[in-house]
Amino acid sequence: MNKKKYQSILEYTVLIAAGVLALIAMFAYIRNSISGKWRQSVDVFGQGEVYSSGHTTIK
């Protein structure tokens, strides 16, 4: 193999690694966004009340 082929392989490897790292970094933001939307939806059904063990009563 010649030098250009090794360089191409290295460039693609770095590009793929950068993409994977970007996805891993964005995962935390995506997870928090989904969690926030889920909580917002649940609060609509619970009329803004939050469950607290021993304090929440069923009406």
PDB file of N, CA and C in Angstrom:
ATOM      1  N   MET A   1       0.844  -1.186   0.000  1.00  0.00           N
ATOM      2  CA  MET A   1       0.000   0.000   0.000  1.00  0.00           C
ATOM      3  C   MET A   1       0.887   1.248   0.000  1.00  0.00           C
ATOM      4  N   ASN A   2       0.387   2.241  -0.646  1.00  0.00           N
ATOM      5  CA  ASN A   2       1.178   3.458  -0.714  1.00  0.00           C
ATOM      6  C   ASN A   2       0.727   4.459   0.342  1.00  0.00           C
ATOM      7  N   LYS A   3       1.433   5.539   0.426  1.00  0.00           N
ATOM      8  CA  LYS A   3       1.212   6.549   1.454  1.00  0.00           C
ATOM      9  C   LYS A   3      -0.172   7.203   1.333  1.00  0.00           C
ATOM     10  N   LYS A   4      -0.661   7.440   0.110  1.00  0.00           N
ATOM     11  CA  LYS A   4      -1.957   8.087  -0.086  1.00  0.00           C
ATOM     12  C   LYS A   4      -3.102   7.218   0.429  1.00  0.00           C
ATOM     13  N   LYS A   5      -2.981   5.914   0.244  1.00  0.00           N
ATOM     14  CA  LYS A   5      -4.040   5.017   0.709  1.00  0.00           C
ATOM     15  C   LYS A   5      -4.109   5.024   2.227  1.00  0.00           C
ATOM     16  N   TYR A   6      -2.968   5.008   2.904  1.00  0.00           N
ATOM     17  CA  TYR A   6      -2.948   5.075   4.369  1.00  0.00           C
ATOM     18  C   TYR A   6      -3.534   6.402   4.864  1.00  0.00           C
ATOM     19  N   GLN A   7      -3.227   7.464   4.170  1.00  0.00           N
ATOM     20  CA  GLN A   7      -3.739   8.767   4.558  1.00  0.00           C
ATOM     21  C   GLN A   7      -5.259   8.811   4.400  1.00  0.00           C
ATOM     22  N   SER A   8      -5.789   8.240   3.340  1.00  0.00           N
ATOM     23  CA  SER A   8      -7.234   8.202   3.128  1.00  0.00           C
ATOM     24  C   SER A   8      -7.924   7.402   4.220  1.00  0.00           C
ATOM     25  N   ILE A   9      -7.352   6.259   4.563  1.00  0.00           N
ATOM     26  CA  ILE A   9      -7.927   5.428   5.628  1.00  0.00           C
ATOM     27  C   ILE A   9      -7.930   6.204   6.942  1.00  0.00           C
ATOM     28  N   LEU A  10      -6.845   6.879   7.246  1.00  0.00           N
ATOM     29  CA  LEU A  10      -6.744   7.662   8.467  1.00  0.00           C
ATOM     30  C   LEU A  10      -7.765   8.803   8.472  1.00  0.00           C
ATOM     31  N   GLU A  11      -7.942   9.487   7.345  1.00  0.00           N
ATOM     32  CA  GLU A  11      -8.901  10.589   7.272  1.00  0.00           C
ATOM     33  C   GLU A  11     -10.327  10.097   7.505  1.00  0.00           C
ATOM     34  N   TYR A  12     -10.696   8.985   6.882  1.00  0.00           N
ATOM     35  CA  TYR A  12     -12.036   8.437   7.084  1.00  0.00           C
ATOM     36  C   TYR A  12     -12.237   7.988   8.524  1.00  0.00           C
ATOM     37  N   THR A  13     -11.211   7.412   9.120  1.00  0.00           N
ATOM     38  CA  THR A  13     -11.309   6.976  10.514  1.00  0.00           C
ATOM     39  C   THR A  13     -11.528   8.171  11.442  1.00  0.00           C
ATOM     40  N   VAL A  14     -10.789   9.240  11.218  1.00  0.00           N
ATOM     41  CA  VAL A  14     -10.947  10.448  12.035  1.00  0.00           C
ATOM     42  C   VAL A  14     -12.330  11.055  11.816  1.00  0.00           C
ATOM     43  N   LEU A  15     -12.812  11.072  10.594  1.00  0.00           N
ATOM     44  CA  LEU A  15     -14.130  11.623  10.286  1.00  0.00           C
ATOM     45  C   LEU A  15     -15.235  10.824  10.988  1.00  0.00           C
ATOM     46  N   ILE A  16     -15.151   9.516  10.918  1.00  0.00           N
ATOM     47  CA  ILE A  16     -16.148   8.662  11.570  1.00  0.00           C
ATOM     48  C   ILE A  16     -16.081   8.840  13.082  1.00  0.00           C
ATOM     49  N   ALA A  17     -14.879   8.897  13.647  1.00  0.00           N
ATOM     50  CA  ALA A  17     -14.723   9.082  15.095  1.00  0.00           C
ATOM     51  C   ALA A  17     -15.314  10.424  15.532  1.00  0.00           C
ATOM     52  N   ALA A  18     -15.104  11.470  14.754  1.00  0.00           N
ATOM     53  CA  ALA A  18     -15.666  12.783  15.093  1.00  0.00           C
ATOM     54  C   ALA A  18     -17.190  12.740  15.062  1.00  0.00           C
ATOM     55  N   GLY A  19     -17.749  12.055  14.085  1.00  0.00           N
ATOM     56  CA  GLY A  19     -19.204  11.921  14.008  1.00  0.00           C
ATOM     57  C   GLY A  19     -19.779  11.165  15.194  1.00  0.00           C
ATOM     58  N   VAL A  20     -19.122  10.084  15.566  1.00  0.00           N
ATOM     59  CA  VAL A  20     -19.586   9.299  16.715  1.00  0.00           C
ATOM     60  C   VAL A  20     -19.491  10.122  17.997  1.00  0.00           C
ATOM     61  N   LEU A  21     -18.409  10.846  18.174  1.00  0.00           N
ATOM     62  CA  LEU A  21     -18.258  11.683  19.367  1.00  0.00           C
ATOM     63  C   LEU A  21     -19.312  12.784  19.412  1.00  0.00           C
ATOM     64  N   ALA A  22     -19.646  13.348  18.272  1.00  0.00           N
ATOM     65  CA  ALA A  22     -20.685  14.378  18.223  1.00  0.00           C
ATOM     66  C   ALA A  22     -22.036  13.794  18.626  1.00  0.00           C
ATOM     67  N   LEU A  23     -22.354  12.598  18.144  1.00  0.00           N
ATOM     68  CA  LEU A  23     -23.613  11.953  18.528  1.00  0.00           C
ATOM     69  C   LEU A  23     -23.660  11.649  20.012  1.00  0.00           C
ATOM     70  N   ILE A  24     -22.551  11.193  20.574  1.00  0.00           N
ATOM     71  CA  ILE A  24     -22.499  10.899  22.003  1.00  0.00           C
ATOM     72  C   ILE A  24     -22.689  12.187  22.808  1.00  0.00           C
ATOM     73  N   ALA A  25     -22.080  13.275  22.374  1.00  0.00           N
ATOM     74  CA  ALA A  25     -22.218  14.549  23.081  1.00  0.00           C
ATOM     75  C   ALA A  25     -23.655  15.068  22.994  1.00  0.00           C
ATOM     76  N   MET A  26     -24.313  14.876  21.868  1.00  0.00           N
ATOM     77  CA  MET A  26     -25.678  15.353  21.693  1.00  0.00           C
ATOM     78  C   MET A  26     -26.695  14.473  22.413  1.00  0.00           C
ATOM     79  N   PHE A  27     -26.328  13.246  22.739  1.00  0.00           N
ATOM     80  CA  PHE A  27     -27.268  12.320  23.372  1.00  0.00           C
ATOM     81  C   PHE A  27     -27.802  12.886  24.682  1.00  0.00           C
ATOM     82  N   ALA A  28     -26.952  13.535  25.473  1.00  0.00           N
ATOM     83  CA  ALA A  28     -27.398  14.103  26.747  1.00  0.00           C
ATOM     84  C   ALA A  28     -28.463  15.177  26.510  1.00  0.00           C
ATOM     85  N   TYR A  29     -28.267  16.021  25.515  1.00  0.00           N
ATOM     86  CA  TYR A  29     -29.246  17.063  25.218  1.00  0.00           C
ATOM     87  C   TYR A  29     -30.555  16.463  24.713  1.00  0.00           C
ATOM     88  N   ILE A  30     -30.460  15.457  23.887  1.00  0.00           N
ATOM     89  CA  ILE A  30     -31.661  14.808  23.361  1.00  0.00           C
ATOM     90  C   ILE A  30     -32.429  14.127  24.490  1.00  0.00           C
ATOM     91  N   ARG A  31     -31.717  13.435  25.376  1.00  0.00           N
ATOM     92  CA  ARG A  31     -32.355  12.747  26.506  1.00  0.00           C
ATOM     93  C   ARG A  31     -33.063  13.751  27.412  1.00  0.00           C
ATOM     94  N   ASN A  32     -32.420  14.885  27.709  1.00  0.00           N
ATOM     95  CA  ASN A  32     -33.038  15.904  28.557  1.00  0.00           C
ATOM     96  C   ASN A  32     -34.252  16.528  27.885  1.00  0.00           C
ATOM     97  N   SER A  33     -34.184  16.711  26.589  1.00  0.00           N
ATOM     98  CA  SER A  33     -35.310  17.274  25.857  1.00  0.00           C
ATOM     99  C   SER A  33     -36.513  16.333  25.905  1.00  0.00           C
ATOM    100  N   ILE A  34     -36.278  15.061  25.671  1.00  0.00           N
ATOM    101  CA  ILE A  34     -37.363  14.076  25.713  1.00  0.00           C
ATOM    102  C   ILE A  34     -37.938  13.990  27.118  1.00  0.00           C
ATOM    103  N   SER A  35     -37.070  14.010  28.123  1.00  0.00           N
ATOM    104  CA  SER A  35     -37.525  13.953  29.506  1.00  0.00           C
ATOM    105  C   SER A  35     -38.385  15.167  29.848  1.00  0.00           C
ATOM    106  N   GLY A  36     -37.978  16.342  29.391  1.00  0.00           N
ATOM    107  CA  GLY A  36     -38.745  17.555  29.651  1.00  0.00           C
ATOM    108  C   GLY A  36     -40.109  17.523  28.986  1.00  0.00           C
ATOM    109  N   LYS A  37     -40.158  17.063  27.748  1.00  0.00           N
ATOM    110  CA  LYS A  37     -41.443  16.966  27.044  1.00  0.00           C
ATOM    111  C   LYS A  37     -42.350  15.946  27.730  1.00  0.00           C
ATOM    112  N   TRP A  38     -41.774  14.842  28.184  1.00  0.00           N
ATOM    113  CA  TRP A  38     -42.540  13.805  28.881  1.00  0.00           C
ATOM    114  C   TRP A  38     -43.129  14.384  30.168  1.00  0.00           C
ATOM    115  N   ARG A  39     -42.308  15.105  30.932  1.00  0.00           N
ATOM    116  CA  ARG A  39     -42.785  15.689  32.187  1.00  0.00           C
ATOM    117  C   ARG A  39     -43.874  16.726  31.913  1.00  0.00           C
ATOM    118  N   GLN A  40     -43.709  17.527  30.870  1.00  0.00           N
ATOM    119  CA  GLN A  40     -44.705  18.529  30.529  1.00  0.00           C
ATOM    120  C   GLN A  40     -46.036  17.852  30.186  1.00  0.00           C
ATOM    121  N   SER A  41     -45.989  16.768  29.442  1.00  0.00           N
ATOM    122  CA  SER A  41     -47.207  16.041  29.085  1.00  0.00           C
ATOM    123  C   SER A  41     -47.874  15.436  30.307  1.00  0.00           C
ATOM    124  N   VAL A  42     -47.090  14.879  31.201  1.00  0.00           N
ATOM    125  CA  VAL A  42     -47.638  14.261  32.405  1.00  0.00           C
ATOM    126  C   VAL A  42     -48.233  15.329  33.322  1.00  0.00           C
ATOM    127  N   ASP A  43     -47.613  16.498  33.402  1.00  0.00           N
ATOM    128  CA  ASP A  43     -48.147  17.579  34.231  1.00  0.00           C
ATOM    129  C   ASP A  43     -49.511  18.057  33.730  1.00  0.00           C
ATOM    130  N   VAL A  44     -49.721  17.989  32.422  1.00  0.00           N
ATOM    131  CA  VAL A  44     -51.027  18.373  31.880  1.00  0.00           C
ATOM    132  C   VAL A  44     -52.097  17.422  32.396  1.00  0.00           C
ATOM    133  N   PHE A  45     -51.816  16.136  32.398  1.00  0.00           N
ATOM    134  CA  PHE A  45     -52.783  15.159  32.883  1.00  0.00           C
ATOM    135  C   PHE A  45     -52.956  15.238  34.394  1.00  0.00           C
ATOM    136  N   GLY A  46     -51.899  15.589  35.114  1.00  0.00           N
ATOM    137  CA  GLY A  46     -51.969  15.688  36.568  1.00  0.00           C
ATOM    138  C   GLY A  46     -52.395  17.055  37.047  1.00  0.00           C
ATOM    139  N   GLN A  47     -52.761  17.936  36.161  1.00  0.00           N
ATOM    140  CA  GLN A  47     -53.210  19.293  36.460  1.00  0.00           C
ATOM    141  C   GLN A  47     -52.184  20.049  37.295  1.00  0.00           C
ATOM    142  N   GLY A  48     -50.903  19.812  37.011  1.00  0.00           N
ATOM    143  CA  GLY A  48     -49.837  20.543  37.670  1.00  0.00           C
ATOM    144  C   GLY A  48     -49.409  19.990  39.011  1.00  0.00           C
ATOM    145  N   GLU A  49     -50.130  18.981  39.517  1.00  0.00           N
ATOM    146  CA  GLU A  49     -49.764  18.403  40.805  1.00  0.00           C
ATOM    147  C   GLU A  49     -48.637  17.400  40.614  1.00  0.00           C
ATOM    148  N   VAL A  50     -47.759  17.347  41.591  1.00  0.00           N
ATOM    149  CA  VAL A  50     -46.617  16.443  41.542  1.00  0.00           C
ATOM    150  C   VAL A  50     -46.789  15.413  42.633  1.00  0.00           C
ATOM    151  N   TYR A  51     -46.579  14.148  42.312  1.00  0.00           N
ATOM    152  CA  TYR A  51     -46.716  13.091  43.296  1.00  0.00           C
ATOM    153  C   TYR A  51     -45.619  13.186  44.355  1.00  0.00           C
ATOM    154  N   SER A  52     -46.014  13.090  45.606  1.00  0.00           N
ATOM    155  CA  SER A  52     -45.074  13.076  46.706  1.00  0.00           C
ATOM    156  C   SER A  52     -45.542  11.990  47.663  1.00  0.00           C
ATOM    157  N   SER A  53     -44.754  10.995  47.873  1.00  0.00           N
ATOM    158  CA  SER A  53     -45.123   9.858  48.709  1.00  0.00           C
ATOM    159  C   SER A  53     -45.506  10.324  50.117  1.00  0.00           C
ATOM    160  N   GLY A  54     -46.714   9.966  50.528  1.00  0.00           N
ATOM    161  CA  GLY A  54     -47.189  10.318  51.863  1.00  0.00           C
ATOM    162  C   GLY A  54     -47.902  11.656  51.942  1.00  0.00           C
ATOM    163  N   HIS A  55     -47.786  12.484  50.894  1.00  0.00           N
ATOM    164  CA  HIS A  55     -48.385  13.819  50.907  1.00  0.00           C
ATOM    165  C   HIS A  55     -49.492  13.972  49.864  1.00  0.00           C
ATOM    166  N   THR A  56     -49.428  13.198  48.818  1.00  0.00           N
ATOM    167  CA  THR A  56     -50.406  13.319  47.747  1.00  0.00           C
ATOM    168  C   THR A  56     -51.634  12.470  48.105  1.00  0.00           C
ATOM    169  N   THR A  57     -52.802  13.041  47.948  1.00  0.00           N
ATOM    170  CA  THR A  57     -54.025  12.302  48.238  1.00  0.00           C
ATOM    171  C   THR A  57     -54.830  12.134  46.963  1.00  0.00           C
ATOM    172  N   ILE A  58     -55.598  11.067  46.925  1.00  0.00           N
ATOM    173  CA  ILE A  58     -56.469  10.800  45.780  1.00  0.00           C
ATOM    174  C   ILE A  58     -57.795  11.467  46.039  1.00  0.00           C
ATOM    175  N   LYS A  59     -58.292  12.226  45.082  1.00  0.00           N
ATOM    176  CA  LYS A  59     -59.558  12.935  45.264  1.00  0.00           C
ATOM    177  C   LYS A  59     -60.686  12.164  44.649  1.00  0.00           C
TER     178      LYS A  59
END
